[in-house]
Amino acid sequence: MIAKLFWLFIAAIVYTYAGYPLLLALLARIWPKTPPYKPSTPDVTLLIAAYNEEAVIAEKIENSLALDYPRDRLQILVTADGSSDRTPDIVREYADQGVELIFNPPRRGKMDAINRAMPHASGEIVLMSDANNMYQSNVLRELVAPFADPTVGVVTGGKSIVSGDGPLGESEGLYWKYESFIKEQETRLGCCMAVAGEIIAIRHSLFEPLPEGALTDDTRMAMRIIGQGYRVIYASKARSYERVSASAQDEISRRAKIYGGRYQDLAAVPKILALGRPIVAWQVLSHQSMRTLLPLMMLGALLTNLIAVVWPIHTISPSLGNLGWPFNWVMFSLQLAFYGVAWLGNRKEFGGVIGNLVYLPTFLVNSNLAGLIGLYRLLIGNQSPVWERVQRRGENL
């Protein structure tokens, strides 16, 4: 029984990380191609959520004003949620260039700030962004194009990590390339299952106020709109750039809250499964549900392997399949080596190829550790919807 559970956990991990992307790629090769979208320039609101962003808000506004899009069709709206620094004052300096500010001194969190700002958004399409990420000039044209199809409700772009921030940045950059590959394949099949909160555009008419206590805004909105029968599209040429978190611990803290939101978002899965769209059902189970449960799968694989070591089975034909001796110790040693490399990556920052190889297990373990922390905080009610700002490399706070 223990061996079967162990291999079930291992199979689920391998399927989620490798099997699902491979099946997606194979299906995408034979799927009919989507015809080009008709050019259009609908009215767009760029909604920037900001909290104590005086270090970057001016650069973000300058970046927004330089986007390649008709200025008379673009509303730039900054919602400063309870900022106690100069963020609102800096935004006001751009009022003569049409930049609008919503400032509410009591801080209630990003989701509440979005809810308050949406009635002031005049665009048919609303692009939500953070203050610390910068866009390529073509972002708006790439993001609005798929909305020419009335079945499209959400379009998300690609997230890139600025290079040069060491192994942490390289590993996260590699992760986002991996995510981009999956999103491209899913889009070819009709609907993408994951979005980046820094670059997500939605039809204004489809927006529903986020519930109080929601920990994330991006995936929650996307899942709701998929549940209404619309599609999510990944626009690979729309790129957003940002720096990596200042430390691995900061990144764990950031991802713990994201995972808490993902566990909340699992409640939307049954409604999507009931839509009668088998490909979408398979995608949401494989990408959203199983990815969210990966931390529990990894913990399960470690614990069942430990049980097989402490209480080994006694059989005349030990094998890898039943985790008999010495196979129980072989698998346990491999797991310990994997976690040992991750521990080493957290203790010391290596450079070059070795650093990248060491930090890949570190990044995976840290991400799944964040998942366990996020679940624990959610279960005990200790996960506030108010985000704590995480310092990025190169910032002086």
Protein backbone atom coordinates (compact mmCIF):
# COMPACT_ATOMS: atom_id res chain seq x y z
CA MET A 1 0.00 0.00 0.00
CA ILE A 2 2.76 2.45 0.96
CA ALA A 3 4.71 1.65 -2.22
CA LYS A 4 1.60 2.22 -4.35
CA LEU A 5 1.01 5.61 -2.70
CA PHE A 6 4.66 6.54 -3.22
CA TRP A 7 4.56 5.74 -6.93
CA LEU A 8 1.20 7.48 -7.27
CA PHE A 9 2.75 10.66 -5.86
CA ILE A 10 5.80 10.30 -8.12
CA ALA A 11 3.64 9.70 -11.21
CA ALA A 12 1.52 12.76 -10.39
CA ILE A 13 4.62 14.94 -9.97
CA VAL A 14 6.17 13.72 -13.23
CA TYR A 15 2.88 14.12 -15.10
CA THR A 16 2.35 17.67 -13.81
CA TYR A 17 5.85 18.91 -14.53
CA ALA A 18 6.60 16.98 -17.73
CA GLY A 19 3.80 14.72 -18.97
CA TYR A 20 1.14 17.40 -19.29
CA PRO A 21 3.39 19.87 -21.20
CA LEU A 22 4.47 17.04 -23.53
CA LEU A 23 0.88 15.99 -24.27
CA LEU A 24 -0.05 19.64 -24.85
CA ALA A 25 2.77 20.05 -27.36
CA LEU A 26 1.78 16.90 -29.24
CA LEU A 27 -1.87 17.95 -29.47
CA ALA A 28 -0.97 21.52 -30.44
CA ARG A 29 0.99 20.22 -33.47
CA ILE A 30 -2.13 18.69 -35.00
CA TRP A 31 -4.67 21.29 -33.81
CA PRO A 32 -6.11 23.67 -36.42
CA LYS A 33 -4.34 27.03 -36.40
CA THR A 34 -6.21 30.14 -35.26
CA PRO A 35 -6.61 32.65 -38.11
CA PRO A 36 -5.04 36.11 -37.62
CA TYR A 37 -7.08 38.58 -35.59
CA LYS A 38 -8.51 41.66 -37.27
CA PRO A 39 -6.65 44.86 -36.30
CA SER A 40 -8.53 47.00 -33.78
CA THR A 41 -7.90 49.82 -31.33
CA PRO A 42 -10.63 49.70 -28.67
CA ASP A 43 -10.60 52.08 -25.73
CA VAL A 44 -8.21 50.71 -23.10
CA THR A 45 -7.71 51.49 -19.42
CA LEU A 46 -4.28 50.72 -18.02
CA LEU A 47 -4.97 50.16 -14.32
CA ILE A 48 -1.82 50.32 -12.17
CA ALA A 49 -2.10 49.09 -8.59
CA ALA A 50 0.49 50.71 -6.32
CA TYR A 51 1.42 50.68 -2.67
CA ASN A 52 4.48 52.66 -1.50
CA GLU A 53 6.05 52.58 -4.95
CA GLU A 54 7.88 55.92 -4.90
CA ALA A 55 11.06 54.17 -6.05
CA VAL A 56 9.54 53.01 -9.34
CA ILE A 57 6.20 54.73 -10.00
CA ALA A 58 7.66 57.56 -12.10
CA GLU A 59 9.48 55.05 -14.32
CA LYS A 60 6.28 53.01 -14.63
CA ILE A 61 4.25 56.04 -15.71
CA GLU A 62 6.91 57.10 -18.23
CA ASN A 63 6.89 53.55 -19.58
CA SER A 64 3.08 53.63 -19.86
CA LEU A 65 3.03 56.99 -21.64
CA ALA A 66 5.53 55.63 -24.20
CA LEU A 67 3.37 52.64 -25.22
CA ASP A 68 2.57 52.37 -28.93
CA TYR A 69 -1.17 53.00 -28.81
CA PRO A 70 -3.43 55.94 -29.74
CA ARG A 71 -3.23 58.27 -26.73
CA ASP A 72 -6.86 59.34 -27.10
CA ARG A 73 -7.91 55.70 -26.64
CA LEU A 74 -5.75 55.02 -23.58
CA GLN A 75 -6.68 55.91 -20.01
CA ILE A 76 -3.88 55.56 -17.46
CA LEU A 77 -5.36 55.09 -14.01
CA VAL A 78 -3.25 54.61 -10.87
CA THR A 79 -4.93 53.26 -7.75
CA ALA A 80 -2.68 53.99 -4.75
CA ASP A 81 -3.87 51.77 -1.93
CA GLY A 82 -3.08 53.49 1.36
CA SER A 83 0.41 54.56 0.30
CA SER A 84 2.27 56.33 3.09
CA ASP A 85 5.19 57.50 0.95
CA ARG A 86 5.34 59.96 -1.98
CA THR A 87 3.61 57.65 -4.48
CA PRO A 88 0.39 59.75 -4.76
CA ASP A 89 2.36 63.02 -5.03
CA ILE A 90 4.52 61.62 -7.85
CA VAL A 91 1.44 60.42 -9.75
CA ARG A 92 -0.18 63.87 -9.42
CA GLU A 93 2.84 65.37 -11.21
CA TYR A 94 1.62 63.60 -14.38
CA ALA A 95 -1.95 64.90 -14.19
CA ASP A 96 -1.33 67.34 -17.06
CA GLN A 97 -0.46 64.32 -19.24
CA GLY A 98 -3.78 62.69 -18.50
CA VAL A 99 -2.65 60.29 -15.77
CA GLU A 100 -5.46 59.80 -13.24
CA LEU A 101 -5.12 58.95 -9.55
CA ILE A 102 -7.40 57.19 -7.08
CA PHE A 103 -6.00 57.48 -3.58
CA ASN A 104 -7.67 56.00 -0.55
CA PRO A 105 -5.56 56.45 2.62
CA PRO A 106 -6.92 53.44 4.56
CA ARG A 107 -5.03 50.47 3.19
CA ARG A 108 -7.29 47.54 2.35
CA GLY A 109 -5.21 45.53 -0.11
CA LYS A 110 -4.79 45.19 -3.86
CA MET A 111 -8.09 43.42 -4.51
CA ASP A 112 -10.06 46.13 -2.74
CA ALA A 113 -8.10 48.79 -4.64
CA ILE A 114 -9.05 47.13 -7.94
CA ASN A 115 -12.71 46.93 -6.91
CA ARG A 116 -12.71 50.65 -6.08
CA ALA A 117 -10.95 51.62 -9.30
CA MET A 118 -13.01 49.65 -11.81
CA PRO A 119 -16.04 52.01 -11.77
CA HIS A 120 -13.64 54.79 -12.83
CA ALA A 121 -12.20 52.75 -15.72
CA SER A 122 -13.58 54.01 -19.02
CA GLY A 123 -11.98 51.46 -21.36
CA GLU A 124 -13.75 48.59 -23.06
CA ILE A 125 -10.62 46.60 -22.22
CA VAL A 126 -8.91 46.95 -18.82
CA LEU A 127 -5.23 46.02 -18.57
CA MET A 128 -4.14 45.44 -14.97
CA SER A 129 -0.53 46.03 -14.04
CA ASP A 130 1.77 46.41 -11.07
CA ALA A 131 4.03 49.39 -10.54
CA ASN A 132 7.30 47.45 -10.59
CA ASN A 133 6.99 45.84 -14.02
CA MET A 134 7.74 47.52 -17.34
CA TYR A 135 6.19 46.82 -20.73
CA GLN A 136 7.54 46.59 -24.24
CA SER A 137 6.08 49.32 -26.43
CA ASN A 138 3.95 46.87 -28.47
CA VAL A 139 2.14 45.41 -25.43
CA LEU A 140 -1.26 47.06 -25.89
CA ARG A 141 -1.57 46.24 -29.59
CA GLU A 142 -0.65 42.60 -28.93
CA LEU A 143 -3.03 42.28 -25.99
CA VAL A 144 -6.10 43.89 -27.57
CA ALA A 145 -5.88 41.98 -30.87
CA PRO A 146 -7.47 38.70 -29.61
CA PHE A 147 -10.46 40.62 -28.24
CA ALA A 148 -11.66 40.96 -31.85
CA ASP A 149 -12.98 37.43 -31.21
CA PRO A 150 -16.14 37.79 -29.07
CA THR A 151 -15.44 34.45 -27.35
CA VAL A 152 -12.24 35.84 -25.79
CA GLY A 153 -12.69 37.28 -22.30
CA VAL A 154 -9.12 37.53 -21.02
CA VAL A 155 -5.73 38.03 -22.66
CA THR A 156 -2.48 37.71 -20.72
CA GLY A 157 1.09 38.44 -21.76
CA GLY A 158 4.47 36.97 -20.96
CA LYS A 159 6.46 37.70 -17.83
CA SER A 160 10.24 37.99 -18.18
CA ILE A 161 12.83 38.36 -15.42
CA VAL A 162 15.58 40.88 -16.10
CA SER A 163 18.85 39.00 -16.57
CA GLY A 164 21.92 39.61 -14.44
CA ASP A 165 20.37 38.97 -11.02
CA GLY A 166 22.32 35.80 -10.27
CA PRO A 167 21.11 32.19 -9.94
CA LEU A 168 17.82 33.24 -8.29
CA GLY A 169 16.97 35.43 -11.25
CA GLU A 170 18.16 32.86 -13.79
CA SER A 171 16.09 30.10 -12.18
CA GLU A 172 12.95 32.20 -12.01
CA GLY A 173 13.55 33.33 -15.58
CA LEU A 174 13.80 29.70 -16.67
CA TYR A 175 10.56 28.93 -14.82
CA TRP A 176 8.70 31.70 -16.67
CA LYS A 177 10.01 30.42 -20.01
CA TYR A 178 8.64 27.00 -19.05
CA GLU A 179 5.30 28.58 -18.11
CA SER A 180 5.24 30.52 -21.37
CA PHE A 181 5.70 27.31 -23.34
CA ILE A 182 2.73 25.71 -21.57
CA LYS A 183 0.54 28.78 -22.09
CA GLU A 184 1.37 28.86 -25.81
CA GLN A 185 0.35 25.22 -26.25
CA GLU A 186 -2.84 25.70 -24.23
CA THR A 187 -3.76 28.75 -26.31
CA ARG A 188 -3.36 26.75 -29.51
CA LEU A 189 -5.95 24.34 -28.10
CA GLY A 190 -8.30 27.23 -27.44
CA CYS A 191 -7.90 28.38 -23.83
CA CYS A 192 -4.97 29.24 -21.57
CA MET A 193 -5.22 28.23 -17.90
CA ALA A 194 -2.76 30.59 -16.20
CA VAL A 195 -2.30 34.35 -16.26
CA ALA A 196 0.31 36.79 -14.98
CA GLY A 197 -1.14 39.40 -12.65
CA GLU A 198 1.33 41.97 -13.94
CA ILE A 199 -0.08 41.80 -17.48
CA ILE A 200 -3.70 40.65 -17.63
CA ALA A 201 -6.33 42.32 -19.81
CA ILE A 202 -10.06 41.62 -19.42
CA ARG A 203 -13.29 42.77 -21.00
CA HIS A 204 -14.63 45.47 -18.70
CA SER A 205 -18.16 44.12 -19.09
CA LEU A 206 -17.11 40.74 -17.64
CA PHE A 207 -15.54 42.09 -14.46
CA GLU A 208 -17.15 41.07 -11.19
CA PRO A 209 -16.00 42.61 -7.88
CA LEU A 210 -13.62 40.28 -6.11
CA PRO A 211 -14.95 38.80 -2.85
CA GLU A 212 -13.65 40.07 0.47
CA GLY A 213 -10.79 37.90 1.67
CA ALA A 214 -9.61 36.91 -1.83
CA LEU A 215 -5.82 36.50 -1.75
CA THR A 216 -5.17 36.82 -5.48
CA ASP A 217 -6.86 38.78 -8.22
CA ASP A 218 -5.46 37.48 -11.51
CA THR A 219 -6.27 33.75 -11.45
CA ARG A 220 -9.55 34.37 -9.63
CA MET A 221 -10.75 36.70 -12.40
CA ALA A 222 -9.57 34.36 -15.16
CA MET A 223 -11.25 31.30 -13.64
CA ARG A 224 -14.50 33.22 -13.18
CA ILE A 225 -14.51 34.33 -16.80
CA ILE A 226 -13.68 30.83 -18.06
CA GLY A 227 -16.60 29.66 -15.92
CA GLN A 228 -18.84 32.03 -17.91
CA GLY A 229 -17.87 30.20 -21.10
CA TYR A 230 -15.24 32.64 -22.40
CA ARG A 231 -11.66 31.88 -23.38
CA VAL A 232 -8.30 33.05 -22.03
CA ILE A 233 -5.59 33.75 -24.62
CA TYR A 234 -1.83 34.01 -24.12
CA ALA A 235 -0.25 36.73 -26.29
CA SER A 236 3.39 35.64 -26.36
CA LYS A 237 4.66 38.82 -28.03
CA ALA A 238 3.30 41.04 -25.23
CA ARG A 239 6.17 41.10 -22.74
CA SER A 240 6.45 42.46 -19.21
CA TYR A 241 9.81 42.81 -17.46
CA GLU A 242 10.67 42.95 -13.77
CA ARG A 243 13.51 42.27 -11.37
CA VAL A 244 13.63 39.17 -9.21
CA SER A 245 12.91 39.33 -5.46
CA ALA A 246 15.82 40.55 -3.36
CA SER A 247 16.28 37.16 -1.65
CA ALA A 248 15.02 33.58 -1.76
CA GLN A 249 13.15 34.20 1.51
CA ASP A 250 11.36 37.18 -0.02
CA GLU A 251 10.34 35.01 -2.96
CA ILE A 252 9.00 32.29 -0.61
CA SER A 253 6.96 34.93 1.22
CA ARG A 254 5.54 36.25 -2.05
CA ARG A 255 4.68 32.81 -3.39
CA ALA A 256 3.10 31.65 -0.11
CA LYS A 257 0.31 34.19 -0.55
CA ILE A 258 -0.06 33.29 -4.24
CA TYR A 259 -0.48 29.64 -3.28
CA GLY A 260 -3.05 30.59 -0.65
CA GLY A 261 -5.03 32.23 -3.43
CA ARG A 262 -4.63 29.18 -5.66
CA TYR A 263 -6.15 26.96 -2.99
CA GLN A 264 -9.08 29.38 -2.81
CA ASP A 265 -9.39 29.28 -6.61
CA LEU A 266 -9.90 25.49 -6.56
CA ALA A 267 -13.51 26.26 -5.61
CA ALA A 268 -14.08 27.48 -9.20
CA VAL A 269 -12.98 24.18 -10.75
CA PRO A 270 -16.31 22.26 -10.45
CA LYS A 271 -18.18 25.02 -12.32
CA ILE A 272 -15.64 24.88 -15.16
CA LEU A 273 -15.82 21.08 -15.31
CA ALA A 274 -19.60 21.32 -15.67
CA LEU A 275 -19.34 23.41 -18.86
CA GLY A 276 -19.11 20.37 -21.11
CA ARG A 277 -15.75 21.43 -22.59
CA PRO A 278 -13.52 18.32 -22.23
CA ILE A 279 -10.27 19.96 -23.36
CA VAL A 280 -10.75 22.87 -20.95
CA ALA A 281 -11.67 20.42 -18.16
CA TRP A 282 -8.47 18.45 -18.76
CA GLN A 283 -6.40 21.63 -18.82
CA VAL A 284 -7.83 23.09 -15.63
CA LEU A 285 -7.34 19.82 -13.78
CA SER A 286 -3.78 19.36 -15.04
CA HIS A 287 -2.53 22.94 -14.89
CA GLN A 288 -4.50 24.56 -12.08
CA SER A 289 -5.57 21.75 -9.77
CA MET A 290 -2.59 19.41 -9.94
CA ARG A 291 -0.06 22.26 -10.02
CA THR A 292 -1.65 23.70 -6.87
CA LEU A 293 -1.47 20.32 -5.14
CA LEU A 294 2.18 19.68 -6.08
CA PRO A 295 3.53 20.68 -2.62
CA LEU A 296 1.33 18.01 -1.04
CA MET A 297 2.44 15.47 -3.64
CA MET A 298 6.12 16.15 -2.93
CA LEU A 299 5.53 15.91 0.81
CA GLY A 300 3.59 12.69 0.27
CA ALA A 301 6.42 11.16 -1.79
CA LEU A 302 8.94 11.99 0.94
CA LEU A 303 6.81 10.68 3.82
CA THR A 304 5.79 7.41 2.11
CA ASN A 305 9.42 6.78 1.17
CA LEU A 306 10.44 7.44 4.79
CA ILE A 307 7.85 4.94 6.01
CA ALA A 308 9.20 2.36 3.53
CA VAL A 309 12.67 2.88 5.03
CA VAL A 310 11.63 2.79 8.69
CA TRP A 311 9.21 -0.12 8.26
CA PRO A 312 10.47 -2.02 5.19
CA ILE A 313 8.30 -4.73 3.68
CA HIS A 314 9.46 -8.33 3.96
CA THR A 315 9.14 -10.19 0.69
CA ILE A 316 11.03 -12.91 -1.14
CA SER A 317 11.21 -10.77 -4.26
CA PRO A 318 12.04 -7.13 -3.35
CA SER A 319 11.80 -4.75 -6.29
CA LEU A 320 11.72 -1.10 -7.16
CA GLY A 321 7.96 -1.32 -7.55
CA ASN A 322 7.32 -2.54 -4.00
CA LEU A 323 10.15 -0.43 -2.48
CA GLY A 324 11.78 -3.48 -0.94
CA TRP A 325 15.35 -3.28 0.31
CA PRO A 326 17.65 -1.81 -1.08
CA PHE A 327 15.31 0.11 -3.41
CA ASN A 328 13.62 1.91 -0.51
CA TRP A 329 17.00 3.34 0.49
CA VAL A 330 17.98 4.14 -3.11
CA MET A 331 14.88 6.27 -3.67
CA PHE A 332 15.15 7.87 -0.24
CA SER A 333 18.81 8.72 -0.87
CA LEU A 334 17.90 10.34 -4.20
CA GLN A 335 15.26 12.45 -2.49
CA LEU A 336 17.66 13.44 0.29
CA ALA A 337 20.26 14.41 -2.33
CA PHE A 338 17.69 16.56 -4.14
CA TYR A 339 16.67 18.37 -0.97
CA GLY A 340 20.30 18.61 0.11
CA VAL A 341 21.19 20.44 -3.10
CA ALA A 342 18.24 22.76 -2.50
CA TRP A 343 19.45 23.44 1.05
CA LEU A 344 22.92 24.19 -0.30
CA GLY A 345 21.48 26.60 -2.85
CA ASN A 346 19.73 28.51 -0.05
CA ARG A 347 22.90 28.69 2.02
CA LYS A 348 25.34 29.82 -0.64
CA GLU A 349 25.01 31.56 -4.00
CA PHE A 350 27.10 29.88 -6.68
CA GLY A 351 27.97 31.39 -10.02
CA GLY A 352 28.12 30.06 -13.57
CA VAL A 353 26.68 26.78 -14.81
CA ILE A 354 27.09 25.11 -11.41
CA GLY A 355 25.05 27.85 -9.79
CA ASN A 356 22.22 27.39 -12.28
CA LEU A 357 22.23 23.60 -11.78
CA VAL A 358 22.24 23.94 -8.00
CA TYR A 359 19.57 26.59 -7.89
CA LEU A 360 17.04 24.77 -10.05
CA PRO A 361 16.26 22.25 -7.24
CA THR A 362 16.42 25.18 -4.81
CA PHE A 363 13.82 27.10 -6.79
CA LEU A 364 11.50 24.08 -7.06
CA VAL A 365 11.77 23.23 -3.36
CA ASN A 366 11.31 26.85 -2.29
CA SER A 367 8.24 27.18 -4.52
CA ASN A 368 6.63 24.06 -3.07
CA LEU A 369 7.63 25.02 0.46
CA ALA A 370 5.82 28.29 -0.15
CA GLY A 371 2.80 26.22 -1.18
CA LEU A 372 2.77 24.38 2.14
CA ILE A 373 3.19 27.64 4.07
CA GLY A 374 0.38 29.25 2.08
CA LEU A 375 -1.95 26.31 2.77
CA TYR A 376 -1.13 26.31 6.49
CA ARG A 377 -1.78 30.04 6.82
CA LEU A 378 -5.02 29.72 4.90
CA LEU A 379 -6.27 26.86 7.10
CA ILE A 380 -5.53 28.67 10.36
CA GLY A 381 -6.92 31.95 9.06
CA ASN A 382 -3.59 33.73 9.26
CA GLN A 383 -3.33 34.87 5.63
CA SER A 384 -4.19 38.54 5.21
CA PRO A 385 -5.49 39.72 1.82
CA VAL A 386 -3.27 42.80 2.25
CA TRP A 387 -0.02 42.21 0.42
CA GLU A 388 3.30 43.08 2.00
CA ARG A 389 5.54 44.73 -0.53
CA VAL A 390 8.51 42.52 -1.46
CA GLN A 391 11.78 44.25 -2.27
CA ARG A 392 13.24 43.60 -5.71
CA ARG A 393 16.87 43.46 -6.75
CA GLY A 394 18.25 46.90 -7.48
CA GLU A 395 15.72 48.75 -5.30
CA ASN A 396 16.69 50.97 -2.42
CA LEU A 397 13.76 51.05 -0.02
